[in-house]
Amino acid sequence: MAYPYGKFRYRVEIDGLDAGGFSEVTGFDASIDVMEYREGDMVQTPYKIPGLKKYGNITLKKGLTDSLVMYEWLITGVDGPVDRKTITITSLDESEQPVASWQVINAWPVKYTAPDFNATSSEVAIETVEIAHEGMTRVS
C-alpha cells in the first residue's frame, strides 16, 4: 500500500539555485473563472463558459538570517523593472528524494514583510515574501 507524502519535507529553488530553508510555502493554486451565459428565451440553467485563468500569489516564510537575497529581489523591482524568475517547489520523501515538483513561471516578489519583534516572546523572527506569477506547471 502506498502512503501519501508528508508536507513538511520540501525544497524551494529559484532559477535552479537553492533558495534556502523556508518554514512555510502557501498559496500556490490555479483556477478558472466561470462565466454564465443565458439567452432571452432560456428558462433552464444558463450555459457555463470558461473565463479567465488565475494563479494565486505564493507566500514564502522563513526565519530571519543575514541573507538579503529575497529582500534584494523585491528592491530590484521597486527601483526598476521587476526581475522575473522560475521557482521550483519540490516535495521530498523520507530519504530526501524528489516525489513531486511544481514550476512557477515568471515569478516576482510583490510584497515583503519584516518580522514582528517582541521582547517577551521566545519565537523565531519570521520574514515573509509574497510572490506573483503567470503560471504553474506540475513537472513530476
C-alpha atoms as a PDB file:
ATOM      1  CA  MET A   1       0.000   0.000   0.000  1.00  0.00           C
ATOM      2  CA  ALA A   2       1.314   3.418  -0.927  1.00  0.00           C
ATOM      3  CA  TYR A   3       1.151   6.114   1.732  1.00  0.00           C
ATOM      4  CA  PRO A   4       0.730   9.828   0.970  1.00  0.00           C
ATOM      5  CA  TYR A   5       3.784  12.033   1.408  1.00  0.00           C
ATOM      6  CA  GLY A   6       4.189  14.458   4.285  1.00  0.00           C
ATOM      7  CA  LYS A   7       4.005  18.196   3.654  1.00  0.00           C
ATOM      8  CA  PHE A   8       6.966  19.021   5.878  1.00  0.00           C
ATOM      9  CA  ARG A   9       9.778  17.884   3.526  1.00  0.00           C
ATOM     10  CA  TYR A  10      10.274  20.181   0.564  1.00  0.00           C
ATOM     11  CA  ARG A  11      12.816  22.269  -1.286  1.00  0.00           C
ATOM     12  CA  VAL A  12      12.448  25.694  -2.941  1.00  0.00           C
ATOM     13  CA  GLU A  13      14.722  26.678  -5.826  1.00  0.00           C
ATOM     14  CA  ILE A  14      14.792  30.000  -7.664  1.00  0.00           C
ATOM     15  CA  ASP A  15      16.178  29.791 -11.206  1.00  0.00           C
ATOM     16  CA  GLY A  16      17.729  26.419 -10.326  1.00  0.00           C
ATOM     17  CA  LEU A  17      19.553  27.671  -7.223  1.00  0.00           C
ATOM     18  CA  ASP A  18      18.723  26.584  -3.680  1.00  0.00           C
ATOM     19  CA  ALA A  19      16.765  29.479  -2.137  1.00  0.00           C
ATOM     20  CA  GLY A  20      17.435  28.473   1.459  1.00  0.00           C
ATOM     21  CA  GLY A  21      15.123  26.929   4.006  1.00  0.00           C
ATOM     22  CA  PHE A  22      11.564  28.161   4.195  1.00  0.00           C
ATOM     23  CA  SER A  23       9.362  27.259   7.143  1.00  0.00           C
ATOM     24  CA  GLU A  24       6.188  27.629   5.097  1.00  0.00           C
ATOM     25  CA  VAL A  25       5.136  27.803   1.444  1.00  0.00           C
ATOM     26  CA  THR A  26       1.453  28.549   0.844  1.00  0.00           C
ATOM     27  CA  GLY A  27      -0.950  29.746  -1.799  1.00  0.00           C
ATOM     28  CA  PHE A  28       0.208  28.130  -4.983  1.00  0.00           C
ATOM     29  CA  ASP A  29      -3.008  27.329  -6.780  1.00  0.00           C
ATOM     30  CA  ALA A  30      -4.716  27.706 -10.137  1.00  0.00           C
ATOM     31  CA  SER A  31      -8.351  28.343 -11.028  1.00  0.00           C
ATOM     32  CA  ILE A  32     -10.571  29.107 -13.998  1.00  0.00           C
ATOM     33  CA  ASP A  33     -13.376  31.636 -13.647  1.00  0.00           C
ATOM     34  CA  VAL A  34     -16.821  30.504 -14.740  1.00  0.00           C
ATOM     35  CA  MET A  35     -18.912  32.832 -16.904  1.00  0.00           C
ATOM     36  CA  GLU A  36     -22.630  32.200 -17.132  1.00  0.00           C
ATOM     37  CA  TYR A  37     -24.489  32.955 -20.334  1.00  0.00           C
ATOM     38  CA  ARG A  38     -28.238  32.996 -20.769  1.00  0.00           C
ATOM     39  CA  GLU A  39     -30.209  33.784 -23.878  1.00  0.00           C
ATOM     40  CA  GLY A  40     -33.541  35.588 -23.538  1.00  0.00           C
ATOM     41  CA  ASP A  41     -35.703  32.549 -24.240  1.00  0.00           C
ATOM     42  CA  MET A  42     -33.826  30.174 -21.896  1.00  0.00           C
ATOM     43  CA  VAL A  43     -35.882  29.093 -18.913  1.00  0.00           C
ATOM     44  CA  GLN A  44     -33.497  26.499 -17.586  1.00  0.00           C
ATOM     45  CA  THR A  45     -29.922  26.608 -16.370  1.00  0.00           C
ATOM     46  CA  PRO A  46     -27.626  29.056 -18.209  1.00  0.00           C
ATOM     47  CA  TYR A  47     -24.593  27.895 -20.170  1.00  0.00           C
ATOM     48  CA  LYS A  48     -21.328  27.813 -18.257  1.00  0.00           C
ATOM     49  CA  ILE A  49     -18.320  29.045 -20.202  1.00  0.00           C
ATOM     50  CA  PRO A  50     -14.642  29.051 -19.097  1.00  0.00           C
ATOM     51  CA  GLY A  51     -13.344  32.529 -18.320  1.00  0.00           C
ATOM     52  CA  LEU A  52     -10.026  33.932 -17.107  1.00  0.00           C
ATOM     53  CA  LYS A  53      -7.363  31.612 -15.772  1.00  0.00           C
ATOM     54  CA  LYS A  54      -5.922  32.803 -12.465  1.00  0.00           C
ATOM     55  CA  TYR A  55      -2.964  31.866 -10.301  1.00  0.00           C
ATOM     56  CA  GLY A  56      -2.841  32.699  -6.605  1.00  0.00           C
ATOM     57  CA  ASN A  57       0.124  34.511  -5.090  1.00  0.00           C
ATOM     58  CA  ILE A  58       2.610  32.308  -3.259  1.00  0.00           C
ATOM     59  CA  THR A  59       3.704  33.225   0.246  1.00  0.00           C
ATOM     60  CA  LEU A  60       7.157  32.150   1.423  1.00  0.00           C
ATOM     61  CA  LYS A  61       8.031  32.377   5.125  1.00  0.00           C
ATOM     62  CA  LYS A  62      11.456  31.826   6.615  1.00  0.00           C
ATOM     63  CA  GLY A  63      13.425  32.531   9.723  1.00  0.00           C
ATOM     64  CA  LEU A  64      15.348  35.802   9.618  1.00  0.00           C
ATOM     65  CA  THR A  65      19.029  35.330   8.721  1.00  0.00           C
ATOM     66  CA  ASP A  66      21.781  37.574   7.394  1.00  0.00           C
ATOM     67  CA  SER A  67      20.826  36.684   3.788  1.00  0.00           C
ATOM     68  CA  LEU A  68      19.370  39.600   1.816  1.00  0.00           C
ATOM     69  CA  VAL A  69      18.595  37.633  -1.372  1.00  0.00           C
ATOM     70  CA  MET A  70      14.775  37.741  -1.159  1.00  0.00           C
ATOM     71  CA  TYR A  71      14.700  41.364   0.035  1.00  0.00           C
ATOM     72  CA  GLU A  72      17.095  42.496  -2.713  1.00  0.00           C
ATOM     73  CA  TRP A  73      14.978  40.692  -5.337  1.00  0.00           C
ATOM     74  CA  LEU A  74      11.986  42.815  -4.254  1.00  0.00           C
ATOM     75  CA  ILE A  75      14.002  46.049  -4.124  1.00  0.00           C
ATOM     76  CA  THR A  76      15.213  45.442  -7.705  1.00  0.00           C
ATOM     77  CA  GLY A  77      11.562  45.664  -8.797  1.00  0.00           C
ATOM     78  CA  VAL A  78      10.888  48.697  -6.617  1.00  0.00           C
ATOM     79  CA  ASP A  79      13.829  50.609  -8.109  1.00  0.00           C
ATOM     80  CA  GLY A  80      13.322  49.470 -11.715  1.00  0.00           C
ATOM     81  CA  PRO A  81      11.800  46.697 -13.822  1.00  0.00           C
ATOM     82  CA  VAL A  82      10.824  43.514 -12.000  1.00  0.00           C
ATOM     83  CA  ASP A  83      13.186  40.563 -12.334  1.00  0.00           C
ATOM     84  CA  ARG A  84      11.051  37.538 -13.277  1.00  0.00           C
ATOM     85  CA  LYS A  85      12.328  34.117 -12.283  1.00  0.00           C
ATOM     86  CA  THR A  86      11.235  30.488 -12.274  1.00  0.00           C
ATOM     87  CA  ILE A  87      10.573  28.989  -8.851  1.00  0.00           C
ATOM     88  CA  THR A  88      10.545  25.218  -8.378  1.00  0.00           C
ATOM     89  CA  ILE A  89       8.848  23.750  -5.310  1.00  0.00           C
ATOM     90  CA  THR A  90       9.696  20.073  -4.786  1.00  0.00           C
ATOM     91  CA  SER A  91       8.126  17.646  -2.331  1.00  0.00           C
ATOM     92  CA  LEU A  92      10.612  15.140  -0.873  1.00  0.00           C
ATOM     93  CA  ASP A  93      10.170  11.629   0.522  1.00  0.00           C
ATOM     94  CA  GLU A  94      11.697  10.237   3.753  1.00  0.00           C
ATOM     95  CA  SER A  95      15.083   9.757   2.057  1.00  0.00           C
ATOM     96  CA  GLU A  96      15.058  13.355   0.706  1.00  0.00           C
ATOM     97  CA  GLN A  97      14.354  12.174  -2.865  1.00  0.00           C
ATOM     98  CA  PRO A  98      12.018  14.274  -5.076  1.00  0.00           C
ATOM     99  CA  VAL A  99       8.497  12.862  -5.467  1.00  0.00           C
ATOM    100  CA  ALA A 100       6.582  15.810  -6.972  1.00  0.00           C
ATOM    101  CA  SER A 101       7.613  19.201  -8.358  1.00  0.00           C
ATOM    102  CA  TRP A 102       5.823  22.337  -9.460  1.00  0.00           C
ATOM    103  CA  GLN A 103       7.374  25.078 -11.558  1.00  0.00           C
ATOM    104  CA  VAL A 104       6.079  28.591 -11.036  1.00  0.00           C
ATOM    105  CA  ILE A 105       6.704  30.653 -14.156  1.00  0.00           C
ATOM    106  CA  ASN A 106       7.577  34.364 -14.489  1.00  0.00           C
ATOM    107  CA  ALA A 107       7.527  34.892 -10.732  1.00  0.00           C
ATOM    108  CA  TRP A 108       8.458  38.117  -8.961  1.00  0.00           C
ATOM    109  CA  PRO A 109       8.069  39.418  -5.400  1.00  0.00           C
ATOM    110  CA  VAL A 110       5.187  41.810  -4.798  1.00  0.00           C
ATOM    111  CA  LYS A 111       5.373  42.186  -1.026  1.00  0.00           C
ATOM    112  CA  TYR A 112       7.970  41.817   1.708  1.00  0.00           C
ATOM    113  CA  THR A 113       7.058  41.760   5.387  1.00  0.00           C
ATOM    114  CA  ALA A 114       9.758  42.128   8.027  1.00  0.00           C
ATOM    115  CA  PRO A 115       9.374  40.125  11.246  1.00  0.00           C
ATOM    116  CA  ASP A 116       7.484  41.372  14.269  1.00  0.00           C
ATOM    117  CA  PHE A 117       9.601  41.777  17.391  1.00  0.00           C
ATOM    118  CA  ASN A 118       8.538  41.175  20.981  1.00  0.00           C
ATOM    119  CA  ALA A 119      10.920  41.129  23.950  1.00  0.00           C
ATOM    120  CA  THR A 120       8.688  38.694  25.884  1.00  0.00           C
ATOM    121  CA  SER A 121       8.494  36.118  23.095  1.00  0.00           C
ATOM    122  CA  SER A 122      10.720  33.088  22.518  1.00  0.00           C
ATOM    123  CA  GLU A 123       9.698  32.582  18.869  1.00  0.00           C
ATOM    124  CA  VAL A 124      11.897  32.756  15.776  1.00  0.00           C
ATOM    125  CA  ALA A 125      11.741  36.035  13.820  1.00  0.00           C
ATOM    126  CA  ILE A 126       9.968  35.255  10.507  1.00  0.00           C
ATOM    127  CA  GLU A 127      10.213  37.294   7.309  1.00  0.00           C
ATOM    128  CA  THR A 128       7.584  36.870   4.595  1.00  0.00           C
ATOM    129  CA  VAL A 129       7.777  37.351   0.818  1.00  0.00           C
ATOM    130  CA  GLU A 130       4.681  37.243  -1.389  1.00  0.00           C
ATOM    131  CA  ILE A 131       5.294  36.153  -4.980  1.00  0.00           C
ATOM    132  CA  ALA A 132       3.054  36.838  -8.015  1.00  0.00           C
ATOM    133  CA  HIS A 133       3.419  34.663 -11.108  1.00  0.00           C
ATOM    134  CA  GLU A 134       1.934  33.883 -14.507  1.00  0.00           C
ATOM    135  CA  GLY A 135       1.646  30.130 -14.469  1.00  0.00           C
ATOM    136  CA  MET A 136       2.152  26.917 -12.573  1.00  0.00           C
ATOM    137  CA  THR A 137       3.038  23.509 -14.000  1.00  0.00           C
ATOM    138  CA  ARG A 138       3.384  20.193 -12.234  1.00  0.00           C
ATOM    139  CA  VAL A 139       6.537  18.710 -13.749  1.00  0.00           C
ATOM    140  CA  SER A 140       6.666  15.398 -11.873  1.00  0.00           C
END
